[in-house]
């Protein structure tokens, strides 16, 4: 997602990181504030490449 571009967009996998200790998913927004999502009860083995639909 790039706020400097017009139109509908989606995150790329390179913009997502998961912190298993804090159970948070961070999405890096280019040109804007980052998005932090708390994922409560995430099972061991969670992987952004397998468990997140982009």
C-alpha atoms as a PDB file:
ATOM      1  CA  UNK A   1       0.000   0.000   0.000  1.00  0.00           C
ATOM      2  CA  UNK A   2       1.373   3.372  -1.033  1.00  0.00           C
ATOM      3  CA  UNK A   3      -0.517   6.509   0.018  1.00  0.00           C
ATOM      4  CA  UNK A   4       1.252   8.513  -2.679  1.00  0.00           C
ATOM      5  CA  UNK A   5      -0.632   6.544  -5.386  1.00  0.00           C
ATOM      6  CA  UNK A   6      -4.326   6.946  -6.210  1.00  0.00           C
ATOM      7  CA  UNK A   7      -6.821   4.081  -6.370  1.00  0.00           C
ATOM      8  CA  UNK A   8      -7.471   0.760  -4.620  1.00  0.00           C
ATOM      9  CA  UNK A   9      -4.405  -1.097  -3.357  1.00  0.00           C
ATOM     10  CA  UNK A  10      -3.341  -4.079  -1.302  1.00  0.00           C
ATOM     11  CA  UNK A  11      -0.339  -4.737   0.924  1.00  0.00           C
ATOM     12  CA  UNK A  12       2.536  -6.753  -0.476  1.00  0.00           C
ATOM     13  CA  UNK A  13       4.011  -9.565   1.609  1.00  0.00           C
ATOM     14  CA  UNK A  14       7.246  -7.554   1.973  1.00  0.00           C
ATOM     15  CA  UNK A  15       5.270  -4.875   3.880  1.00  0.00           C
ATOM     16  CA  UNK A  16       4.019  -7.300   6.578  1.00  0.00           C
ATOM     17  CA  UNK A  17       5.842  -8.474   9.692  1.00  0.00           C
ATOM     18  CA  UNK A  18       4.566 -10.631  12.559  1.00  0.00           C
ATOM     19  CA  UNK A  19       5.812 -10.416  16.148  1.00  0.00           C
ATOM     20  CA  UNK A  20       4.958 -13.763  17.744  1.00  0.00           C
ATOM     21  CA  UNK A  21       5.835 -12.596  21.274  1.00  0.00           C
ATOM     22  CA  UNK A  22       3.410  -9.677  21.133  1.00  0.00           C
ATOM     23  CA  UNK A  23       0.991 -11.423  18.723  1.00  0.00           C
ATOM     24  CA  UNK A  24       0.944  -8.334  16.481  1.00  0.00           C
ATOM     25  CA  UNK A  25       0.925  -7.944  12.720  1.00  0.00           C
ATOM     26  CA  UNK A  26       2.593  -4.773  11.429  1.00  0.00           C
ATOM     27  CA  UNK A  27       1.844  -3.444   7.954  1.00  0.00           C
ATOM     28  CA  UNK A  28       4.229  -0.815   6.582  1.00  0.00           C
ATOM     29  CA  UNK A  29       2.284   1.890   4.723  1.00  0.00           C
ATOM     30  CA  UNK A  30       4.474   3.838   2.293  1.00  0.00           C
ATOM     31  CA  UNK A  31       3.912   7.573   2.701  1.00  0.00           C
ATOM     32  CA  UNK A  32       1.688   7.206   5.763  1.00  0.00           C
ATOM     33  CA  UNK A  33       1.360   5.835   9.276  1.00  0.00           C
ATOM     34  CA  UNK A  34       1.929   2.130   9.842  1.00  0.00           C
ATOM     35  CA  UNK A  35      -0.935  -0.212  10.688  1.00  0.00           C
ATOM     36  CA  UNK A  36      -0.613  -2.449  13.770  1.00  0.00           C
ATOM     37  CA  UNK A  37      -3.125  -5.261  14.331  1.00  0.00           C
ATOM     38  CA  UNK A  38      -3.298  -7.316  17.523  1.00  0.00           C
ATOM     39  CA  UNK A  39      -3.963 -10.993  16.781  1.00  0.00           C
ATOM     40  CA  UNK A  40      -5.234 -12.590  19.985  1.00  0.00           C
ATOM     41  CA  UNK A  41      -4.848 -16.353  20.360  1.00  0.00           C
ATOM     42  CA  UNK A  42      -2.618 -16.941  17.335  1.00  0.00           C
ATOM     43  CA  UNK A  43      -1.505 -20.564  17.108  1.00  0.00           C
ATOM     44  CA  UNK A  44       2.159 -21.579  16.943  1.00  0.00           C
ATOM     45  CA  UNK A  45       3.348 -21.785  13.359  1.00  0.00           C
ATOM     46  CA  UNK A  46       1.485 -18.692  12.145  1.00  0.00           C
ATOM     47  CA  UNK A  47       3.192 -17.426   8.982  1.00  0.00           C
ATOM     48  CA  UNK A  48       2.303 -14.317   7.000  1.00  0.00           C
ATOM     49  CA  UNK A  49       3.141 -16.117   3.755  1.00  0.00           C
ATOM     50  CA  UNK A  50       0.604 -18.881   4.493  1.00  0.00           C
ATOM     51  CA  UNK A  51      -2.008 -17.377   6.811  1.00  0.00           C
ATOM     52  CA  UNK A  52      -2.583 -13.880   5.391  1.00  0.00           C
ATOM     53  CA  UNK A  53      -4.620 -13.351   2.222  1.00  0.00           C
ATOM     54  CA  UNK A  54      -3.309 -10.364   0.279  1.00  0.00           C
END
